[in-house]
Amino acid sequence: MSTEIKVPVLPESVADASVATWHVSVGDKVSRDQNLVDIETDKVVLEVVAPHDGVITEISQEEGATVLGDQVIGIIGEADAAVPTEDAKSEAAPASDKQENAPAAQSAPASEGKEVDIKVPVLPESVADATVATWHVQPGDAVTRDQNLVDIETDKVVLEVVAQEDGVMGEIIHAEGDTVLGDQVIGKVKAGGAPAAAPAAKEQAPATDSSDSSDVLTPSVRRLIAEKGLDASKIKGSGKNGRVTKEDVDQFLKSPAPAAKAEAAPAAPMGDRTQKRVPMARLRKTIANRLLEAKNSTAMLTTFNEVNMKPIMDLRKQYQEVFEKRHGIRLGFMSFYVKAVTEALKRFPDVNASIDGDDIVYHNYFDISIAVSTPRGLVTPVLKDCDKLSVAEIEKGIRELALKGRDGKLTLDDMTGGNFTITNGGVFGSLLSTPIINLPQSSILGMHKIQDRPMAVNGKVEILPMMYLALSYDHRQIDGKESVGFLVTIKELLEDPTRLLLDV
């Protein structure tokens, strides 16, 4: 009995996904719960595991292929099918010989040169239209089956449209930048056209490394390269078969190629002033729209305070070594922030609530969203049930989320929910900011850089490590009294951390 390997069911906001990495090959034996393949969406990477022991008998969607939710991408056979697979391969050899002996049968359809429509994929209900982002071929170019022809960009994802058959690229009906609808014809491919052109294309292939490299890019990497205005051919790939990964792009950005500097050098003595106009990507538009929605649909107000961090810094210095030896993790600042926020949310239930239409929903649990910087940008995974976690458990939870974010392993469960967000711009040197609410939440706390400042203490000036706190909140739901009281509570708990342990 064989079992289908399927793409997990995707959330409503995700139209499709990409096959990122196969960890197995056809013929490999696999065990139950073994990770077989990583499926990448624009938000998270999903792992597909084996439902039982067996052997991989078929992989129908290779790395880089665009797939839909619940789509079959491979087959697992029974464990005892491992031996027959070798026989099957030998039995398949004569069949291939037959194919070689029948070139006329294969070339017959090719000579017909029938035209095949290139269509926009069916769009999800929540997406009205799309944009032709990038054509990777031009009329007259030889194309092969499953080659990426064009990228179609929606508000949420980038869809790849691949060739259905070998042939030659015909007419391009809709150029880059055109707005198109689902299932709309945007170009033509002449199936099997000019068979003699195939060898010539192969001879020219080594000279066009840039096109080859672009074909193996995943959608997320291609979007990152496009946003940064980079040339994919200049980025050395470290992935499978030379595939360029997000880490390769980040490394390239940190270490610019000398050639780029050499090319830019002549412009300086000439005094040329240039500018580059690039259309905003639809994904960036979506981010912009969400930020505007938070600004325009909420009565957002920010209140400020400052906290003396010396007590926490002294506590960390005193117990850091013992804490790390006992729990296997360093004691950071974020666990104190989470503890203080959780306690303050208990005392101010209006802050631990959200607006849903004409209702206010009060939450009796404490799930905190923590802003984490990743190679893909800033994400806000959720640390759940913080009221039940110890300081060590919070530190371990935050570290796990940070590592998963860095490696692109955050799951949908990691990213959903959250009653309140903590963002720490201080790690980048921010002294003061007004954070924007993370909808549908009603408030967000911004932590900032800890900086020594002269402060008046009992009539004397002392140099203390001070940090500004910023609480942005929806004034429709939270009054000034509650917002200021909430922030003062956090200040008091951080300036006397023993109160967190004594619950006073």
Protein backbone atom coordinates (compact mmCIF):
# COMPACT_ATOMS: atom_id res chain seq x y z
CA MET A 1 0.00 0.00 0.00
CA SER A 2 1.31 3.46 -0.89
CA THR A 3 0.67 6.74 0.92
CA GLU A 4 0.56 10.18 -0.63
CA ILE A 5 2.89 12.92 0.63
CA LYS A 6 0.78 16.09 0.66
CA VAL A 7 1.34 19.80 1.23
CA PRO A 8 -0.20 20.81 4.60
CA VAL A 9 -3.46 22.73 4.52
CA LEU A 10 -2.54 26.41 4.09
CA PRO A 11 -4.28 29.22 5.99
CA GLU A 12 -6.80 31.40 4.18
CA SER A 13 -4.34 34.27 3.87
CA VAL A 14 -1.77 32.13 2.03
CA ALA A 15 -2.54 31.34 -1.62
CA ASP A 16 0.26 28.86 -2.33
CA ALA A 17 3.67 27.68 -1.18
CA SER A 18 7.05 26.57 -2.52
CA VAL A 19 8.87 23.25 -2.13
CA ALA A 20 11.97 24.47 -0.31
CA THR A 21 14.08 21.38 0.51
CA TRP A 22 13.67 17.65 0.04
CA HIS A 23 15.56 15.79 2.77
CA VAL A 24 15.10 12.42 1.05
CA SER A 25 15.39 10.99 -2.47
CA VAL A 26 13.53 8.32 -4.40
CA GLY A 27 14.53 4.91 -3.03
CA ASP A 28 15.43 6.18 0.46
CA LYS A 29 14.06 4.31 3.45
CA VAL A 30 12.22 6.57 5.89
CA SER A 31 10.88 6.13 9.41
CA ARG A 32 7.70 7.37 11.03
CA ASP A 33 7.77 11.11 11.93
CA GLN A 34 10.96 11.68 9.90
CA ASN A 35 11.03 15.11 8.23
CA LEU A 36 10.72 14.51 4.50
CA VAL A 37 10.40 17.97 2.97
CA ASP A 38 10.20 21.65 3.94
CA ILE A 39 7.35 23.68 2.43
CA GLU A 40 7.93 27.44 2.42
CA THR A 41 5.21 30.10 2.46
CA ASP A 42 5.66 33.86 2.63
CA LYS A 43 5.36 33.62 6.42
CA VAL A 44 6.66 30.29 7.72
CA VAL A 45 8.38 27.04 6.77
CA LEU A 46 6.24 23.92 7.25
CA GLU A 47 7.72 20.46 7.81
CA VAL A 48 6.06 17.42 6.22
CA VAL A 49 6.84 14.21 8.13
CA ALA A 50 6.44 10.56 7.22
CA PRO A 51 3.16 9.05 8.55
CA HIS A 52 4.76 5.60 8.76
CA ASP A 53 7.91 3.62 7.95
CA GLY A 54 8.45 3.01 4.26
CA VAL A 55 10.36 3.88 1.10
CA ILE A 56 10.15 6.99 -1.08
CA THR A 57 8.86 5.72 -4.42
CA GLU A 58 8.06 8.99 -6.16
CA ILE A 59 8.78 12.73 -5.89
CA SER A 60 6.39 14.57 -8.19
CA GLN A 61 7.25 18.16 -7.22
CA GLU A 62 10.92 19.13 -7.13
CA GLU A 63 12.56 21.88 -5.06
CA GLY A 64 11.42 25.35 -6.16
CA ALA A 65 8.05 24.15 -7.46
CA THR A 66 4.99 26.21 -6.54
CA VAL A 67 2.35 24.06 -4.85
CA LEU A 68 -1.11 24.41 -3.31
CA GLY A 69 -2.52 23.25 0.00
CA ASP A 70 -3.25 19.50 0.18
CA GLN A 71 -1.47 18.93 -3.16
CA VAL A 72 0.27 15.55 -3.63
CA ILE A 73 4.03 16.03 -4.02
CA GLY A 74 5.32 12.48 -3.52
CA ILE A 75 4.56 8.86 -2.66
CA ILE A 76 5.70 6.59 0.21
CA GLY A 77 5.59 2.83 -0.38
CA GLU A 78 5.65 0.03 2.17
CA ALA A 79 8.96 -0.69 3.91
CA ASP A 80 9.33 -4.03 2.10
CA ALA A 81 9.14 -2.21 -1.23
CA ALA A 82 12.81 -1.22 -0.91
CA VAL A 83 14.17 -4.32 -2.70
CA PRO A 84 11.71 -4.32 -5.62
CA THR A 85 12.55 -0.72 -6.44
CA GLU A 86 15.96 -1.76 -7.80
CA ASP A 87 14.30 -4.42 -9.95
CA ALA A 88 11.77 -1.88 -11.09
CA LYS A 89 14.58 0.37 -12.22
CA SER A 90 16.20 -2.43 -14.24
CA GLU A 91 12.83 -3.37 -15.70
CA ALA A 92 12.33 0.26 -16.68
CA ALA A 93 15.54 0.23 -18.75
CA PRO A 94 14.09 -1.61 -21.74
CA ALA A 95 11.21 0.87 -21.73
CA SER A 96 13.69 3.70 -22.09
CA ASP A 97 15.37 1.81 -24.91
CA LYS A 98 12.00 1.59 -26.60
CA GLN A 99 11.63 5.31 -26.24
CA GLU A 100 15.07 5.84 -27.79
CA ASN A 101 14.13 3.53 -30.66
CA ALA A 102 11.00 5.55 -31.37
CA PRO A 103 12.21 9.08 -32.02
CA ALA A 104 9.61 9.61 -34.67
CA ALA A 105 6.79 9.09 -32.17
CA GLN A 106 8.31 11.65 -29.85
CA SER A 107 9.11 14.23 -32.47
CA ALA A 108 5.70 14.04 -34.11
CA PRO A 109 3.93 16.31 -31.61
CA ALA A 110 6.93 18.63 -31.65
CA SER A 111 6.62 19.25 -35.33
CA GLU A 112 3.04 20.31 -34.92
CA GLY A 113 4.09 23.51 -33.09
CA LYS A 114 0.71 23.87 -31.38
CA GLU A 115 0.26 26.94 -29.19
CA VAL A 116 -0.24 26.50 -25.44
CA ASP A 117 -1.71 29.32 -23.37
CA ILE A 118 0.26 30.74 -20.45
CA LYS A 119 -2.36 31.58 -17.83
CA VAL A 120 -2.41 33.38 -14.50
CA PRO A 121 -2.99 30.82 -11.70
CA VAL A 122 -6.42 30.77 -10.05
CA LEU A 123 -6.37 33.45 -7.34
CA PRO A 124 -7.86 32.93 -3.85
CA GLU A 125 -11.17 34.61 -3.03
CA SER A 126 -9.49 37.29 -0.91
CA VAL A 127 -7.27 38.41 -3.83
CA ALA A 128 -8.98 40.51 -6.52
CA ASP A 129 -6.15 40.77 -9.05
CA ALA A 130 -2.41 40.37 -9.52
CA THR A 131 0.55 41.98 -11.28
CA VAL A 132 2.93 40.55 -13.88
CA ALA A 133 6.16 40.94 -11.94
CA THR A 134 8.97 39.43 -14.06
CA TRP A 135 9.16 37.63 -17.39
CA HIS A 136 12.14 35.23 -17.36
CA VAL A 137 11.89 34.48 -21.09
CA GLN A 138 11.46 36.46 -24.30
CA PRO A 139 9.73 35.58 -27.59
CA GLY A 140 11.86 33.06 -29.50
CA ASP A 141 13.59 31.63 -26.42
CA ALA A 142 13.69 27.84 -26.08
CA VAL A 143 11.81 26.67 -22.98
CA THR A 144 11.65 23.31 -21.23
CA ARG A 145 8.85 21.64 -19.32
CA ASP A 146 8.49 22.99 -15.74
CA GLN A 147 10.80 25.97 -16.47
CA ASN A 148 9.68 29.13 -14.68
CA LEU A 149 8.39 31.53 -17.33
CA VAL A 150 6.93 34.42 -15.35
CA ASP A 151 6.36 35.59 -11.77
CA ILE A 152 2.86 36.77 -10.86
CA GLU A 153 2.72 38.92 -7.72
CA THR A 154 -0.33 39.26 -5.47
CA ASP A 155 -0.84 41.15 -2.22
CA LYS A 156 0.38 38.13 -0.27
CA VAL A 157 2.61 35.87 -2.36
CA VAL A 158 4.55 35.55 -5.61
CA LEU A 159 3.26 32.82 -7.94
CA GLU A 160 5.49 31.11 -10.49
CA VAL A 161 3.99 30.09 -13.84
CA VAL A 162 5.92 27.22 -15.44
CA ALA A 163 5.97 25.79 -18.96
CA GLN A 164 3.61 22.87 -19.51
CA GLU A 165 5.68 21.46 -22.40
CA ASP A 166 9.02 21.85 -24.15
CA GLY A 167 8.95 24.39 -26.94
CA VAL A 168 9.64 27.97 -27.94
CA MET A 169 8.34 31.11 -26.27
CA GLY A 170 5.77 32.82 -28.45
CA GLU A 171 3.81 36.01 -27.90
CA ILE A 172 3.88 37.92 -24.59
CA ILE A 173 0.38 39.39 -24.29
CA HIS A 174 0.79 41.17 -20.94
CA ALA A 175 4.10 42.86 -20.13
CA GLU A 176 5.71 43.39 -16.73
CA GLY A 177 3.68 45.72 -14.55
CA ASP A 178 0.32 44.86 -16.12
CA THR A 179 -2.60 44.11 -13.78
CA VAL A 180 -4.15 40.73 -14.56
CA LEU A 181 -6.94 38.47 -13.28
CA GLY A 182 -7.02 34.81 -12.30
CA ASP A 183 -6.95 32.34 -15.23
CA GLN A 184 -6.23 35.17 -17.69
CA VAL A 185 -4.06 34.34 -20.74
CA ILE A 186 -0.84 36.38 -20.60
CA GLY A 187 1.32 34.66 -23.21
CA LYS A 188 1.82 31.73 -25.62
CA VAL A 189 4.28 28.85 -25.93
CA LYS A 190 4.74 26.99 -29.24
CA ALA A 191 4.99 23.40 -28.04
CA GLY A 192 7.90 21.47 -29.54
CA GLY A 193 8.79 24.28 -31.88
CA ALA A 194 12.18 24.17 -33.67
CA PRO A 195 13.67 20.97 -32.21
CA ALA A 196 17.01 21.81 -33.79
CA ALA A 197 17.28 24.87 -31.58
CA ALA A 198 17.56 22.75 -28.44
CA PRO A 199 21.26 21.77 -28.89
CA ALA A 200 22.19 25.36 -29.64
CA ALA A 201 20.50 26.45 -26.45
CA LYS A 202 22.49 23.88 -24.52
CA GLU A 203 25.74 25.11 -26.07
CA GLN A 204 24.95 28.66 -25.01
CA ALA A 205 23.89 27.65 -21.50
CA PRO A 206 27.34 27.91 -19.86
CA ALA A 207 27.59 31.53 -20.95
CA THR A 208 24.34 32.51 -19.24
CA ASP A 209 24.86 31.57 -15.62
CA SER A 210 22.57 34.35 -14.44
CA SER A 211 19.46 32.81 -16.03
CA ASP A 212 20.31 29.38 -14.63
CA SER A 213 20.79 30.76 -11.17
CA SER A 214 17.52 32.66 -11.23
CA ASP A 215 15.57 29.52 -12.11
CA VAL A 216 16.63 27.78 -8.87
CA LEU A 217 15.72 30.66 -6.59
CA THR A 218 12.84 30.14 -4.19
CA PRO A 219 10.11 32.82 -4.29
CA SER A 220 11.21 34.32 -0.97
CA VAL A 221 14.85 34.61 -2.10
CA ARG A 222 13.80 36.08 -5.45
CA ARG A 223 11.66 38.68 -3.68
CA LEU A 224 14.53 39.58 -1.33
CA ILE A 225 16.94 39.98 -4.26
CA ALA A 226 14.42 42.13 -6.12
CA GLU A 227 13.73 44.33 -3.09
CA LYS A 228 17.46 44.93 -2.58
CA GLY A 229 18.08 45.54 -6.30
CA LEU A 230 20.77 42.83 -6.51
CA ASP A 231 22.11 40.73 -9.41
CA ALA A 232 21.50 37.06 -8.61
CA SER A 233 24.40 35.96 -10.83
CA LYS A 234 26.87 37.72 -8.51
CA ILE A 235 25.68 35.89 -5.38
CA LYS A 236 27.44 32.60 -4.65
CA GLY A 237 24.96 29.93 -3.55
CA SER A 238 25.73 27.57 -0.68
CA GLY A 239 22.55 25.48 -0.92
CA LYS A 240 21.85 22.23 -2.70
CA ASN A 241 23.04 22.30 -6.35
CA GLY A 242 24.37 25.81 -5.81
CA ARG A 243 20.96 27.18 -4.79
CA VAL A 244 21.14 30.73 -3.39
CA THR A 245 19.65 30.91 0.12
CA LYS A 246 18.48 33.89 2.19
CA GLU A 247 21.66 33.56 4.24
CA ASP A 248 23.74 33.89 1.05
CA VAL A 249 21.90 37.13 0.19
CA ASP A 250 22.45 38.49 3.71
CA GLN A 251 26.16 37.62 3.52
CA PHE A 252 26.40 39.30 0.11
CA LEU A 253 24.80 42.47 1.50
CA LYS A 254 27.27 42.52 4.41
CA SER A 255 30.27 41.99 2.11
CA PRO A 256 29.65 43.91 -1.15
CA ALA A 257 31.50 42.55 -4.17
CA PRO A 258 34.63 44.53 -5.08
CA ALA A 259 33.35 44.68 -8.65
CA ALA A 260 30.34 46.66 -7.51
CA LYS A 261 32.62 49.23 -5.91
CA ALA A 262 34.78 49.38 -9.04
CA GLU A 263 31.76 49.97 -11.25
CA ALA A 264 30.48 52.73 -8.98
CA ALA A 265 33.85 54.49 -8.72
CA PRO A 266 33.85 56.32 -12.09
CA ALA A 267 30.56 58.06 -11.25
CA ALA A 268 32.05 59.97 -8.30
CA PRO A 269 34.69 62.09 -10.13
CA MET A 270 32.11 62.98 -12.79
CA GLY A 271 29.79 64.30 -10.15
CA ASP A 272 26.80 62.51 -11.66
CA ARG A 273 23.63 62.53 -9.57
CA THR A 274 21.45 59.55 -10.33
CA GLN A 275 18.31 58.05 -8.92
CA LYS A 276 16.50 54.77 -9.36
CA ARG A 277 12.73 54.41 -9.45
CA VAL A 278 11.43 50.94 -8.56
CA PRO A 279 7.72 50.12 -8.25
CA MET A 280 6.74 49.14 -4.71
CA ALA A 281 6.28 45.38 -4.45
CA ARG A 282 2.76 44.24 -3.68
CA LEU A 283 3.99 42.57 -0.51
CA ARG A 284 5.52 45.84 0.64
CA LYS A 285 2.23 47.53 -0.23
CA THR A 286 0.42 45.07 2.02
CA ILE A 287 2.76 45.87 4.90
CA ALA A 288 2.25 49.57 4.27
CA ASN A 289 -1.52 49.12 4.20
CA ARG A 290 -1.49 47.25 7.51
CA LEU A 291 0.55 49.99 9.15
CA LEU A 292 -1.80 52.62 7.76
CA GLU A 293 -4.77 50.58 8.96
CA ALA A 294 -3.36 50.57 12.48
CA LYS A 295 -2.80 54.33 12.32
CA ASN A 296 -6.15 55.16 10.69
CA SER A 297 -8.51 52.67 12.33
CA THR A 298 -7.36 53.15 15.93
CA ALA A 299 -7.23 56.17 18.20
CA MET A 300 -3.56 55.48 18.85
CA LEU A 301 -1.78 57.42 21.58
CA THR A 302 1.64 56.92 23.15
CA THR A 303 2.61 57.54 26.76
CA PHE A 304 6.20 57.54 28.03
CA ASN A 305 8.12 56.83 31.21
CA GLU A 306 11.65 55.88 32.19
CA VAL A 307 13.06 53.12 34.33
CA ASN A 308 16.23 52.77 36.38
CA MET A 309 17.77 49.49 35.18
CA LYS A 310 20.49 49.34 37.88
CA PRO A 311 18.61 46.89 40.18
CA ILE A 312 18.11 44.36 37.35
CA MET A 313 21.68 44.83 36.12
CA ASP A 314 23.00 44.22 39.65
CA LEU A 315 20.77 41.15 40.02
CA ARG A 316 22.00 39.73 36.70
CA LYS A 317 25.61 40.36 37.63
CA GLN A 318 25.16 38.62 40.99
CA TYR A 319 23.34 35.51 39.75
CA GLN A 320 24.32 35.21 36.07
CA GLU A 321 26.89 32.47 36.55
CA VAL A 322 24.73 30.42 38.94
CA PHE A 323 21.64 30.88 36.76
CA GLU A 324 23.42 29.74 33.61
CA LYS A 325 24.95 26.75 35.38
CA ARG A 326 21.58 25.71 36.82
CA HIS A 327 19.36 26.26 33.78
CA GLY A 328 21.77 26.07 30.85
CA ILE A 329 20.88 29.51 29.48
CA ARG A 330 22.00 33.08 30.11
CA LEU A 331 19.84 35.47 32.10
CA GLY A 332 18.78 38.35 29.84
CA PHE A 333 16.64 41.44 30.18
CA MET A 334 13.69 40.20 28.12
CA SER A 335 12.53 37.69 30.75
CA PHE A 336 12.17 40.57 33.24
CA TYR A 337 10.21 42.60 30.67
CA VAL A 338 7.86 39.67 29.99
CA LYS A 339 7.35 39.00 33.71
CA ALA A 340 6.62 42.67 34.42
CA VAL A 341 4.20 42.97 31.46
CA THR A 342 2.37 39.79 32.47
CA GLU A 343 1.90 41.03 36.02
CA ALA A 344 0.73 44.45 34.79
CA LEU A 345 -1.78 42.79 32.42
CA LYS A 346 -3.26 40.93 35.39
CA ARG A 347 -3.82 44.22 37.19
CA PHE A 348 -5.19 46.08 34.15
CA PRO A 349 -7.56 43.74 32.26
CA ASP A 350 -8.57 46.54 29.86
CA VAL A 351 -5.07 46.39 28.38
CA ASN A 352 -5.29 42.60 28.04
CA ALA A 353 -8.30 42.93 25.72
CA SER A 354 -9.10 43.75 22.11
CA ILE A 355 -11.90 45.35 20.09
CA ASP A 356 -13.96 43.08 17.83
CA GLY A 357 -16.60 45.11 16.02
CA ASP A 358 -18.77 46.68 18.72
CA ASP A 359 -17.51 44.28 21.40
CA ILE A 360 -14.51 44.31 23.72
CA VAL A 361 -13.01 40.83 24.14
CA TYR A 362 -11.28 40.28 27.50
CA HIS A 363 -8.66 37.53 27.55
CA ASN A 364 -8.09 35.38 30.61
CA TYR A 365 -4.73 34.13 29.34
CA PHE A 366 -1.40 35.87 28.81
CA ASP A 367 0.18 35.29 25.40
CA ILE A 368 2.91 37.81 24.63
CA SER A 369 4.11 38.60 21.09
CA ILE A 370 7.84 39.24 21.00
CA ALA A 371 9.37 41.17 18.11
CA VAL A 372 12.29 39.13 16.69
CA SER A 373 14.65 40.27 13.94
CA THR A 374 15.21 37.58 11.28
CA PRO A 375 16.88 37.46 7.85
CA ARG A 376 13.37 37.83 6.36
CA GLY A 377 12.58 40.89 8.45
CA LEU A 378 10.86 41.61 11.75
CA VAL A 379 8.38 38.97 12.93
CA THR A 380 6.33 38.69 16.13
CA PRO A 381 6.13 35.07 17.32
CA VAL A 382 4.04 34.40 20.41
CA LEU A 383 5.21 33.14 23.81
CA LYS A 384 2.12 31.48 25.25
CA ASP A 385 0.87 31.25 28.87
CA CYS A 386 3.58 33.54 30.23
CA ASP A 387 1.87 33.64 33.63
CA LYS A 388 2.73 29.96 34.08
CA LEU A 389 6.40 30.24 33.03
CA SER A 390 9.42 30.76 35.26
CA VAL A 391 12.18 33.22 34.36
CA ALA A 392 14.30 30.35 33.01
CA GLU A 393 11.39 28.98 30.94
CA ILE A 394 10.76 32.43 29.47
CA GLU A 395 14.44 32.79 28.52
CA LYS A 396 14.42 29.35 26.88
CA GLY A 397 11.14 30.09 25.08
CA ILE A 398 12.44 33.40 23.70
CA ARG A 399 15.71 31.78 22.59
CA GLU A 400 13.83 28.98 20.84
CA LEU A 401 11.60 31.45 18.98
CA ALA A 402 14.61 33.56 17.99
CA LEU A 403 16.49 30.53 16.61
CA LYS A 404 13.43 29.28 14.74
CA GLY A 405 12.96 32.75 13.28
CA ARG A 406 16.60 32.92 12.19
CA ASP A 407 16.42 29.49 10.54
CA GLY A 408 12.99 30.08 8.97
CA LYS A 409 11.38 27.35 11.08
CA LEU A 410 8.61 29.36 12.74
CA THR A 411 5.29 27.52 12.48
CA LEU A 412 1.82 28.98 12.00
CA ASP A 413 1.11 28.15 15.63
CA ASP A 414 4.18 30.18 16.67
CA MET A 415 2.89 33.20 14.76
CA THR A 416 -0.82 33.20 15.65
CA GLY A 417 -2.52 34.76 18.66
CA GLY A 418 -0.93 37.15 21.10
CA ASN A 419 -2.64 39.67 23.39
CA PHE A 420 0.18 42.19 23.76
CA THR A 421 3.46 42.92 21.95
CA ILE A 422 6.91 43.80 23.30
CA THR A 423 9.39 45.33 20.86
CA ASN A 424 12.97 46.14 21.84
CA GLY A 425 14.47 48.71 19.51
CA GLY A 426 17.19 49.31 22.06
CA VAL A 427 19.21 46.40 20.69
CA PHE A 428 19.68 48.49 17.52
CA GLY A 429 20.49 51.67 19.45
CA SER A 430 17.06 53.35 19.46
CA LEU A 431 16.81 55.85 22.32
CA LEU A 432 13.10 56.67 21.92
CA SER A 433 10.30 55.72 19.52
CA THR A 434 6.52 55.47 19.22
CA PRO A 435 5.73 51.85 18.29
CA ILE A 436 2.69 51.09 16.12
CA ILE A 437 0.01 48.74 17.50
CA ASN A 438 0.11 45.19 16.18
CA LEU A 439 -3.53 44.66 15.13
CA PRO A 440 -5.86 43.23 16.37
CA GLN A 441 -4.10 43.88 19.70
CA SER A 442 -4.81 47.13 21.49
CA SER A 443 -1.38 48.05 22.85
CA ILE A 444 2.36 47.58 22.40
CA LEU A 445 5.34 48.29 24.67
CA GLY A 446 8.57 49.68 23.25
CA MET A 447 11.83 49.14 25.15
CA HIS A 448 14.85 51.25 24.24
CA LYS A 449 18.58 51.68 24.70
CA ILE A 450 19.92 51.61 28.26
CA GLN A 451 22.04 54.72 28.65
CA ASP A 452 23.90 56.25 31.59
CA ARG A 453 22.35 59.59 32.54
CA PRO A 454 22.71 61.98 35.51
CA MET A 455 19.64 61.61 37.75
CA ALA A 456 18.60 63.38 40.96
CA VAL A 457 18.40 60.83 43.81
CA ASN A 458 17.56 62.11 47.32
CA GLY A 459 18.83 65.57 46.45
CA LYS A 460 22.06 64.28 44.93
CA VAL A 461 23.11 63.70 41.34
CA GLU A 462 23.91 60.08 40.46
CA ILE A 463 24.85 58.46 37.16
CA LEU A 464 22.31 55.68 36.54
CA PRO A 465 21.57 53.33 33.62
CA MET A 466 18.20 54.64 32.44
CA MET A 467 15.85 53.37 29.75
CA TYR A 468 12.81 55.02 28.19
CA LEU A 469 9.54 53.06 28.01
CA ALA A 470 6.89 53.81 25.38
CA LEU A 471 3.36 52.40 25.52
CA SER A 472 1.22 52.90 22.41
CA TYR A 473 -2.45 52.05 22.97
CA ASP A 474 -5.89 52.35 21.41
CA HIS A 475 -7.58 55.20 23.24
CA ARG A 476 -11.03 53.95 22.13
CA GLN A 477 -10.61 51.05 24.53
CA ILE A 478 -8.00 52.13 27.07
CA ASP A 479 -8.30 55.38 29.01
CA GLY A 480 -5.36 57.51 30.08
CA LYS A 481 -5.68 56.40 33.70
CA GLU A 482 -5.31 52.72 32.79
CA SER A 483 -2.49 53.29 30.29
CA VAL A 484 -0.41 55.42 32.66
CA GLY A 485 -1.12 53.08 35.58
CA PHE A 486 -0.11 50.10 33.44
CA LEU A 487 3.19 51.72 32.43
CA VAL A 488 3.97 52.89 35.98
CA THR A 489 3.37 49.34 37.24
CA ILE A 490 5.92 48.02 34.74
CA LYS A 491 8.38 50.72 35.84
CA GLU A 492 7.96 49.87 39.53
CA LEU A 493 8.33 46.12 38.95
CA LEU A 494 11.49 46.58 36.89
CA GLU A 495 13.05 48.97 39.41
CA ASP A 496 12.37 46.49 42.23
CA PRO A 497 12.54 43.03 40.58
CA THR A 498 12.05 41.19 43.88
CA ARG A 499 8.39 42.28 43.70
CA LEU A 500 8.06 40.01 40.64
CA LEU A 501 9.03 37.05 42.84
CA LEU A 502 6.90 38.10 45.82
CA ASP A 503 3.88 39.07 43.68
CA VAL A 504 3.48 42.43 45.45
